C-alpha atoms as a PDB file:
ATOM      1  CA  MET A   1      -5.466  -4.770 -21.178  1.00  0.00           C
ATOM      2  CA  ALA A   2      -6.836  -5.176 -17.696  1.00  0.00           C
ATOM      3  CA  THR A   3      -4.209  -5.072 -14.989  1.00  0.00           C
ATOM      4  CA  ASN A   4      -3.823  -7.454 -12.061  1.00  0.00           C
ATOM      5  CA  TYR A   5      -2.107  -4.764  -9.957  1.00  0.00           C
ATOM      6  CA  PHE A   6      -3.640  -1.884  -7.685  1.00  0.00           C
ATOM      7  CA  HIS A   7      -0.310   0.198  -8.464  1.00  0.00           C
ATOM      8  CA  GLY A   8      -0.219   3.821  -8.251  1.00  0.00           C
ATOM      9  CA  THR A   9      -1.416   6.596  -5.846  1.00  0.00           C
ATOM     10  CA  LEU A  10      -4.461   6.670  -3.758  1.00  0.00           C
ATOM     11  CA  GLU A  11      -5.565  10.091  -2.659  1.00  0.00           C
ATOM     12  CA  ALA A  12      -7.920  10.553   0.151  1.00  0.00           C
ATOM     13  CA  ILE A  13      -9.343  13.348   2.061  1.00  0.00           C
ATOM     14  CA  ILE A  14     -11.029  12.726   5.343  1.00  0.00           C
ATOM     15  CA  HIS A  15     -13.588  15.384   5.861  1.00  0.00           C
ATOM     16  CA  LYS A  16     -15.776  14.571   9.092  1.00  0.00           C
ATOM     17  CA  ALA A  17     -17.887  12.197  10.993  1.00  0.00           C
ATOM     18  CA  ALA A  18     -21.541  12.612  11.881  1.00  0.00           C
ATOM     19  CA  PRO A  19     -21.974  13.732  15.540  1.00  0.00           C
ATOM     20  CA  PHE A  20     -21.644  11.150  18.231  1.00  0.00           C
ATOM     21  CA  SER A  21     -20.878  11.472  22.055  1.00  0.00           C
ATOM     22  CA  SER A  22     -17.555  10.092  23.278  1.00  0.00           C
ATOM     23  CA  CYS A  23     -15.415  11.246  26.140  1.00  0.00           C
ATOM     24  CA  PHE A  24     -12.224   9.958  23.921  1.00  0.00           C
ATOM     25  CA  PRO A  25     -10.865  11.407  20.830  1.00  0.00           C
ATOM     26  CA  ALA A  26     -11.917  10.006  17.726  1.00  0.00           C
ATOM     27  CA  PHE A  27      -9.618   9.265  14.554  1.00  0.00           C
ATOM     28  CA  VAL A  28      -9.890   7.620  11.202  1.00  0.00           C
ATOM     29  CA  THR A  29      -7.640   4.891   9.691  1.00  0.00           C
ATOM     30  CA  ILE A  30      -7.193   3.750   6.102  1.00  0.00           C
ATOM     31  CA  HIS A  31      -6.177   0.241   5.559  1.00  0.00           C
ATOM     32  CA  ILE A  32      -5.154  -1.689   2.469  1.00  0.00           C
ATOM     33  CA  ASP A  33      -6.124  -5.281   2.970  1.00  0.00           C
ATOM     34  CA  ASN A  34      -4.885  -5.927   6.503  1.00  0.00           C
ATOM     35  CA  THR A  35      -2.100  -3.119   6.475  1.00  0.00           C
ATOM     36  CA  THR A  36      -2.798   0.412   8.043  1.00  0.00           C
ATOM     37  CA  VAL A  37      -1.482   2.936   5.704  1.00  0.00           C
ATOM     38  CA  ALA A  38      -2.751   6.253   6.996  1.00  0.00           C
ATOM     39  CA  GLU A  39      -4.231   7.698  10.298  1.00  0.00           C
ATOM     40  CA  THR A  40      -5.673  11.208  11.030  1.00  0.00           C
ATOM     41  CA  THR A  41      -5.042  13.007  14.077  1.00  0.00           C
ATOM     42  CA  ARG A  42      -6.948  12.211  17.075  1.00  0.00           C
ATOM     43  CA  ASN A  43      -9.492  14.962  18.020  1.00  0.00           C
ATOM     44  CA  GLY A  44     -12.797  15.508  19.876  1.00  0.00           C
ATOM     45  CA  GLN A  45     -14.265  17.850  17.147  1.00  0.00           C
ATOM     46  CA  HIS A  46     -14.962  14.855  14.621  1.00  0.00           C
ATOM     47  CA  GLU A  47     -13.765  17.011  11.781  1.00  0.00           C
ATOM     48  CA  TRP A  48     -10.453  16.646  10.280  1.00  0.00           C
ATOM     49  CA  ASN A  49     -10.261  17.809   6.662  1.00  0.00           C
ATOM     50  CA  GLN A  50      -6.995  15.847   6.257  1.00  0.00           C
ATOM     51  CA  SER A  51      -5.568  14.577   2.951  1.00  0.00           C
ATOM     52  CA  PHE A  52      -3.340  11.652   2.417  1.00  0.00           C
ATOM     53  CA  ARG A  53      -1.291  10.588  -0.634  1.00  0.00           C
ATOM     54  CA  ILE A  54      -0.758   6.673  -0.468  1.00  0.00           C
ATOM     55  CA  PHE A  55       1.494   5.043  -2.837  1.00  0.00           C
ATOM     56  CA  CYS A  56       0.245   1.512  -3.529  1.00  0.00           C
ATOM     57  CA  ALA A  57       1.783  -1.659  -4.871  1.00  0.00           C
ATOM     58  CA  HIS A  58      -1.030  -4.470  -4.062  1.00  0.00           C
ATOM     59  CA  SER A  59      -3.008  -6.871  -6.058  1.00  0.00           C
ATOM     60  CA  ALA A  60      -6.158  -5.649  -7.831  1.00  0.00           C
ATOM     61  CA  GLY A  61      -8.185  -7.884  -5.432  1.00  0.00           C
ATOM     62  CA  ALA A  62      -7.232  -5.579  -2.444  1.00  0.00           C
ATOM     63  CA  VAL A  63      -9.778  -3.987  -0.320  1.00  0.00           C
ATOM     64  CA  VAL A  64      -9.500  -0.503   0.947  1.00  0.00           C
ATOM     65  CA  THR A  65     -10.988   0.018   4.271  1.00  0.00           C
ATOM     66  CA  VAL A  66     -11.781   3.271   5.942  1.00  0.00           C
ATOM     67  CA  ALA A  67     -12.640   3.051   9.593  1.00  0.00           C
ATOM     68  CA  LEU A  68     -13.863   5.631  12.352  1.00  0.00           C
ATOM     69  CA  ARG A  69     -12.387   4.717  15.589  1.00  0.00           C
ATOM     70  CA  VAL A  70     -12.366   5.634  19.290  1.00  0.00           C
ATOM     71  CA  ARG A  71      -9.525   3.899  21.146  1.00  0.00           C
ATOM     72  CA  LEU A  72     -10.059   0.124  20.062  1.00  0.00           C
ATOM     73  CA  LEU A  73     -13.759   0.549  19.198  1.00  0.00           C
ATOM     74  CA  VAL A  74     -14.707   0.880  15.376  1.00  0.00           C
ATOM     75  CA  LEU A  75     -17.785   3.072  14.960  1.00  0.00           C
ATOM     76  CA  ALA A  76     -18.092   3.137  11.085  1.00  0.00           C
ATOM     77  CA  LYS A  77     -16.378   1.189   8.522  1.00  0.00           C
ATOM     78  CA  VAL A  78     -16.489   1.518   4.702  1.00  0.00           C
ATOM     79  CA  ARG A  79     -14.917  -1.160   2.269  1.00  0.00           C
ATOM     80  CA  ILE A  80     -14.091  -0.456  -1.202  1.00  0.00           C
ATOM     81  CA  LEU A  81     -12.719  -2.758  -3.670  1.00  0.00           C
ATOM     82  CA  ALA A  82      -9.483  -1.578  -5.264  1.00  0.00           C
ATOM     83  CA  SER A  83     -10.807  -2.736  -8.697  1.00  0.00           C
ATOM     84  CA  GLU A  84     -13.806  -0.160  -8.303  1.00  0.00           C
ATOM     85  CA  LEU A  85     -11.267   2.719  -7.670  1.00  0.00           C
ATOM     86  CA  MET A  86      -8.971   1.551 -10.626  1.00  0.00           C
ATOM     87  CA  GLY A  87     -12.250   1.727 -12.968  1.00  0.00           C
ATOM     88  CA  ASP A  88     -12.807   5.385 -11.951  1.00  0.00           C
ATOM     89  CA  GLU A  89      -9.201   6.445 -12.353  1.00  0.00           C
ATOM     90  CA  GLY A  90      -8.625  10.160 -11.544  1.00  0.00           C
ATOM     91  CA  GLU A  91     -12.085  10.813 -10.577  1.00  0.00           C
ATOM     92  CA  TRP A  92     -13.028  11.770  -7.092  1.00  0.00           C
ATOM     93  CA  ARG A  93     -15.539   9.566  -5.304  1.00  0.00           C
ATOM     94  CA  ASP A  94     -17.395  11.093  -2.584  1.00  0.00           C
ATOM     95  CA  PHE A  95     -18.661   8.948   0.318  1.00  0.00           C
ATOM     96  CA  LYS A  96     -21.239  10.138   2.780  1.00  0.00           C
ATOM     97  CA  GLY A  97     -22.672   8.667   5.860  1.00  0.00           C
ATOM     98  CA  ARG A  98     -21.504   8.501   9.439  1.00  0.00           C
ATOM     99  CA  LEU A  99     -18.091   9.077   7.934  1.00  0.00           C
ATOM    100  CA  GLU A 100     -17.568  11.766   5.048  1.00  0.00           C
ATOM    101  CA  PHE A 101     -14.436  11.115   2.821  1.00  0.00           C
ATOM    102  CA  SER A 102     -13.362  11.644  -0.742  1.00  0.00           C
ATOM    103  CA  MET A 103     -11.062   9.170  -2.567  1.00  0.00           C
ATOM    104  CA  ARG A 104      -9.439   8.983  -5.921  1.00  0.00           C
ATOM    105  CA  PHE A 105      -6.902   6.621  -7.549  1.00  0.00           C
ATOM    106  CA  TRP A 106      -4.214   7.316 -10.127  1.00  0.00           C
ATOM    107  CA  GLY A 107      -2.570   4.336 -11.746  1.00  0.00           C
ATOM    108  CA  LYS A 108       1.068   3.905 -12.417  1.00  0.00           C
ATOM    109  CA  ASP A 109       0.896   5.016 -16.049  1.00  0.00           C
ATOM    110  CA  GLY A 110       1.563   1.882 -18.154  1.00  0.00           C
ATOM    111  CA  MET A 111       4.209   0.617 -15.640  1.00  0.00           C
ATOM    112  CA  MET A 112       2.935  -2.843 -15.667  1.00  0.00           C
ATOM    113  CA  ASP A 113       3.066  -3.007 -19.395  1.00  0.00           C
ATOM    114  CA  ARG A 114       6.485  -1.919 -19.682  1.00  0.00           C
ATOM    115  CA  VAL A 115       7.743  -4.435 -16.873  1.00  0.00           C
ATOM    116  CA  LEU A 116       5.713  -7.269 -18.008  1.00  0.00           C
ATOM    117  CA  GLY A 117       5.818  -6.440 -21.874  1.00  0.00           C
ATOM    118  CA  SER A 118       8.619  -9.162 -22.671  1.00  0.00           C
ATOM    119  CA  PHE A 119       6.597 -11.950 -20.864  1.00  0.00           C
ATOM    120  CA  PRO A 120       2.812 -12.953 -20.865  1.00  0.00           C
ATOM    121  CA  GLU A 121       1.152 -12.005 -17.748  1.00  0.00           C
ATOM    122  CA  ARG A 122       0.135 -15.324 -15.885  1.00  0.00           C
ATOM    123  CA  GLU A 123      -1.884 -16.058 -12.717  1.00  0.00           C
ATOM    124  CA  ASN A 124      -0.015 -16.915  -9.566  1.00  0.00           C
ATOM    125  CA  CYS A 125       3.399 -16.242 -11.253  1.00  0.00           C
ATOM    126  CA  GLY A 126       4.988 -14.814  -8.007  1.00  0.00           C
ATOM    127  CA  VAL A 127       5.579 -11.183  -9.243  1.00  0.00           C
ATOM    128  CA  LEU A 128       6.317  -9.040  -6.291  1.00  0.00           C
ATOM    129  CA  LEU A 129       5.921  -5.335  -6.179  1.00  0.00           C
ATOM    130  CA  TYR A 130       8.071  -3.349  -3.474  1.00  0.00           C
ATOM    131  CA  GLN A 131       7.129   0.026  -2.337  1.00  0.00           C
ATOM    132  CA  ASP A 132      10.741   0.699  -0.715  1.00  0.00           C
ATOM    133  CA  ALA A 133      13.930  -1.043  -1.519  1.00  0.00           C
ATOM    134  CA  ASP A 134      14.846  -1.927   2.138  1.00  0.00           C
ATOM    135  CA  HIS A 135      14.678  -0.819   5.644  1.00  0.00           C
ATOM    136  CA  GLY A 136      17.129  -1.493   8.400  1.00  0.00           C
ATOM    137  CA  GLU A 137      16.094  -3.541  11.443  1.00  0.00           C
ATOM    138  CA  GLY A 138      15.416  -0.406  13.485  1.00  0.00           C
ATOM    139  CA  PHE A 139      12.798   0.849  11.071  1.00  0.00           C
ATOM    140  CA  ARG A 140       9.470   1.412  12.965  1.00  0.00           C
ATOM    141  CA  SER A 141       6.359   2.607  10.752  1.00  0.00           C
ATOM    142  CA  PRO A 142       4.528   5.505  11.864  1.00  0.00           C
ATOM    143  CA  VAL A 143       1.424   3.628  10.994  1.00  0.00           C
ATOM    144  CA  GLY A 144       1.338   0.580  13.292  1.00  0.00           C
ATOM    145  CA  ASP A 145       3.008  -2.583  12.949  1.00  0.00           C
ATOM    146  CA  TYR A 146       3.565  -2.542   9.198  1.00  0.00           C
ATOM    147  CA  ARG A 147       6.679  -4.510   8.243  1.00  0.00           C
ATOM    148  CA  PRO A 148       7.595  -4.020   4.486  1.00  0.00           C
ATOM    149  CA  ARG A 149       9.146  -6.607   2.273  1.00  0.00           C
ATOM    150  CA  ARG A 150      12.957  -6.591   2.411  1.00  0.00           C
ATOM    151  CA  LEU A 151      14.068  -6.535  -1.344  1.00  0.00           C
ATOM    152  CA  TRP A 152      17.695  -7.281  -0.962  1.00  0.00           C
ATOM    153  CA  GLU A 153      17.089 -10.301   1.122  1.00  0.00           C
ATOM    154  CA  ASP A 154      14.366 -11.415  -1.269  1.00  0.00           C
ATOM    155  CA  VAL A 155      16.901 -10.973  -4.226  1.00  0.00           C
ATOM    156  CA  TYR A 156      19.595 -12.980  -2.303  1.00  0.00           C
ATOM    157  CA  ARG A 157      17.389 -15.845  -1.719  1.00  0.00           C
ATOM    158  CA  ALA A 158      16.076 -15.877  -5.450  1.00  0.00           C
ATOM    159  CA  ILE A 159      19.613 -16.027  -6.724  1.00  0.00           C
ATOM    160  CA  ASP A 160      20.862 -18.326  -4.139  1.00  0.00           C
ATOM    161  CA  GLY A 161      17.815 -20.590  -4.699  1.00  0.00           C
ATOM    162  CA  ALA A 162      17.790 -20.350  -8.527  1.00  0.00           C
ATOM    163  CA  GLU A 163      17.610 -23.594 -10.390  1.00  0.00           C
ATOM    164  CA  LYS A 164      17.456 -22.185 -13.982  1.00  0.00           C
ATOM    165  CA  LEU A 165      16.891 -18.352 -14.427  1.00  0.00           C
ATOM    166  CA  VAL A 166      16.558 -15.291 -12.257  1.00  0.00           C
ATOM    167  CA  CYS A 167      15.148 -12.553 -14.324  1.00  0.00           C
ATOM    168  CA  ILE A 168      15.129  -8.732 -12.762  1.00  0.00           C
ATOM    169  CA  ALA A 169      13.418  -6.556 -15.084  1.00  0.00           C
ATOM    170  CA  GLY A 170      14.661  -3.107 -15.465  1.00  0.00           C
ATOM    171  CA  TRP A 171      18.183  -3.525 -14.007  1.00  0.00           C
ATOM    172  CA  SER A 172      21.630  -2.957 -15.263  1.00  0.00           C
ATOM    173  CA  LEU A 173      24.613  -4.773 -13.827  1.00  0.00           C
ATOM    174  CA  ASN A 174      27.686  -3.411 -12.695  1.00  0.00           C
ATOM    175  CA  PRO A 175      30.139  -6.471 -12.107  1.00  0.00           C
ATOM    176  CA  ASN A 176      32.622  -4.277 -10.166  1.00  0.00           C
ATOM    177  CA  LEU A 177      29.955  -3.196  -7.282  1.00  0.00           C
ATOM    178  CA  VAL A 178      30.001  -5.343  -4.230  1.00  0.00           C
ATOM    179  CA  LEU A 179      26.800  -5.321  -1.995  1.00  0.00           C
ATOM    180  CA  VAL A 180      27.926  -5.825   1.556  1.00  0.00           C
ATOM    181  CA  SER A 181      25.330  -5.953   4.310  1.00  0.00           C
ATOM    182  CA  THR A 182      25.916  -4.919   7.785  1.00  0.00           C
ATOM    183  CA  ASN A 183      24.454  -8.021   9.444  1.00  0.00           C
ATOM    184  CA  PHE A 184      24.457 -11.308   7.652  1.00  0.00           C
ATOM    185  CA  HIS A 185      22.210 -13.294  10.027  1.00  0.00           C
ATOM    186  CA  PHE A 186      19.156 -13.261   7.721  1.00  0.00           C
ATOM    187  CA  PHE A 187      21.140 -14.947   4.904  1.00  0.00           C
ATOM    188  CA  PHE A 188      21.793 -18.204   6.706  1.00  0.00           C
END
């Protein structure tokens, strides 16, 4: 069964860039859709050999973009459809040009089949995947202005706004457990 999710681990090795002249250090960024998920160190040698392991929870229509940058200027950009990486699961793909890098994707072994096994998969059903449960207000991502979803806020809103049924797959319930937030401003 084809999955509608780019869910698993994306591994990337950024090798080097073709020689170019710049008085500023160069660096490479990896984006999934419009979110920066990895960034190399900045150096003037244009050779990194840095590897990244990126945990993904996106739609299968996502686009992975690898960009060579100097300050705000983009010198080279490669776009890869997530569905292409999913088709070659576990196989390294080498990209050569102005920017040389390798990439492979490992899918989350049957996770979606287990989660959605009791319900038929539907288009536009509003299923959300969370990379982390929650971060506090002071959380600042090391890769730009990425703001992760807030699981507990979303769960509260779903329960509070439910008209018929709330289904949270894979959970068990302890009725004696009370969840208390340090700041309630986002619930009201």
